Protein backbone atom coordinates (compact mmCIF):
# COMPACT_ATOMS: atom_id res chain seq x y z
CA UNK A 1 0.00 0.00 0.00
CA UNK A 2 1.20 3.47 -0.88
CA UNK A 3 1.96 5.80 2.01
CA UNK A 4 2.21 9.49 1.45
CA UNK A 5 5.69 10.85 2.01
CA UNK A 6 4.75 12.70 5.20
CA UNK A 7 3.46 9.50 6.71
CA UNK A 8 6.65 7.53 6.12
CA UNK A 9 8.89 9.81 8.08
CA UNK A 10 8.21 11.76 11.22
CA UNK A 11 8.32 15.49 10.79
CA UNK A 12 11.72 16.87 11.73
CA UNK A 13 12.03 18.91 14.88
CA UNK A 14 12.26 22.63 14.39
CA UNK A 15 15.61 23.43 12.86
CA UNK A 16 17.85 25.74 14.79
CA UNK A 17 18.21 29.05 13.04
CA UNK A 18 21.60 29.63 11.53
CA UNK A 19 23.37 32.90 12.00
CA UNK A 20 23.62 34.93 8.86
CA UNK A 21 27.17 35.07 7.50
CA UNK A 22 27.84 38.65 8.59
CA UNK A 23 26.73 38.01 12.16
CA UNK A 24 28.90 34.90 12.39
CA UNK A 25 31.94 36.86 11.22
CA UNK A 26 31.30 39.64 13.76
CA UNK A 27 30.85 37.18 16.61
CA UNK A 28 34.08 35.42 15.63
CA UNK A 29 36.01 38.70 15.40
CA UNK A 30 34.77 39.78 18.84
CA UNK A 31 35.85 36.44 20.33
CA UNK A 32 39.33 36.73 18.80
CA UNK A 33 39.71 40.32 20.01
CA UNK A 34 38.64 39.37 23.52
CA UNK A 35 40.97 36.40 23.70
CA UNK A 36 44.00 38.29 22.38
CA UNK A 37 43.60 41.28 24.66
CA UNK A 38 42.53 43.62 21.89
CA UNK A 39 39.16 44.36 23.38
CA UNK A 40 37.78 47.85 23.76
CA UNK A 41 37.71 47.50 27.53
CA UNK A 42 40.69 48.69 29.51
CA UNK A 43 41.31 47.76 33.12
CA UNK A 44 42.88 50.56 35.13
CA UNK A 45 44.37 49.74 38.51
CA UNK A 46 44.28 52.73 40.83
CA UNK A 47 47.32 53.39 43.02
CA UNK A 48 45.19 53.59 46.17
CA UNK A 49 41.58 53.18 47.23
CA UNK A 50 39.32 56.21 46.95
CA UNK A 51 39.65 56.84 50.71
CA UNK A 52 43.47 56.96 50.53
CA UNK A 53 46.30 58.85 48.83
CA UNK A 54 49.72 57.57 47.70
CA UNK A 55 52.94 58.41 49.57
CA UNK A 56 56.57 57.85 48.58
CA UNK A 57 59.31 56.18 50.61
CA UNK A 58 62.09 58.69 51.45
CA UNK A 59 65.63 57.76 50.28
CA UNK A 60 64.31 54.42 49.08
CA UNK A 61 62.18 52.83 46.43
CA UNK A 62 58.60 52.01 47.23
CA UNK A 63 55.34 53.64 48.08
CA UNK A 64 52.32 53.14 50.26
CA UNK A 65 48.79 54.44 50.73
CA UNK A 66 47.62 56.57 53.65
CA UNK A 67 44.06 57.39 54.69
CA UNK A 68 42.92 60.80 53.57
CA UNK A 69 43.17 63.26 56.45
CA UNK A 70 46.15 61.46 58.00
CA UNK A 71 49.83 62.34 57.64
CA UNK A 72 52.35 59.88 56.15
CA UNK A 73 54.24 57.72 58.63
CA UNK A 74 57.94 57.99 59.40
CA UNK A 75 60.08 57.34 56.33
CA UNK A 76 57.35 58.40 53.91
CA UNK A 77 56.44 61.72 52.29
CA UNK A 78 53.73 63.08 50.05
CA UNK A 79 54.54 63.15 46.36
CA UNK A 80 55.42 66.61 45.05
CA UNK A 81 52.37 68.49 43.79
CA UNK A 82 51.61 67.69 40.16
CA UNK A 83 53.77 64.55 40.22
CA UNK A 84 51.40 62.18 41.97
CA UNK A 85 50.80 58.80 40.28
CA UNK A 86 47.13 57.93 40.04
CA UNK A 87 47.07 54.71 38.01
CA UNK A 88 49.57 51.84 37.93
CA UNK A 89 51.82 52.37 34.90
CA UNK A 90 50.89 56.01 34.30
CA UNK A 91 53.47 58.71 33.52
CA UNK A 92 54.25 59.50 37.16
CA UNK A 93 54.28 55.88 38.31
CA UNK A 94 56.98 55.15 35.72
CA UNK A 95 58.85 58.36 36.63
CA UNK A 96 59.06 57.40 40.32
CA UNK A 97 60.41 53.93 39.46
CA UNK A 98 63.88 55.50 39.15
CA UNK A 99 63.56 58.44 41.56
CA UNK A 100 62.70 59.23 45.15
CA UNK A 101 62.79 62.11 47.62
CA UNK A 102 65.71 62.74 49.97
CA UNK A 103 65.33 63.89 53.58
CA UNK A 104 65.19 67.53 52.37
CA UNK A 105 62.38 66.92 49.89
CA UNK A 106 64.64 67.05 46.81
CA UNK A 107 64.02 64.64 43.94
CA UNK A 108 67.02 62.30 43.58
CA UNK A 109 67.77 59.29 41.38
CA UNK A 110 67.69 55.93 43.10
CA UNK A 111 71.15 54.35 43.35
CA UNK A 112 69.99 51.10 41.72
CA UNK A 113 68.54 53.10 38.78
CA UNK A 114 71.88 54.70 37.80
């Protein structure tokens, strides 16, 4: 006996929709950019928390953070005005990698940086 075609085979489940070619390319490019570090998002690491300010070690390398309203501890001083690093790796953070303040507040090169 002859069976109509639809009766011989069950109807297929709904097919998943395929992404159009352009969308697939864009999704792939975004994945590659994200995995290689070329994304549009930049992570900035602040030197200190918002309730603190950075201070510089005197006659030595290094820095610390002090609560706003408090004075730096012994062996530390405030950065000179206009030369305060705000973000790790910014212009002033790099500058202070090879310099420090002496006991008179003068900017001097670190011995290990010469």
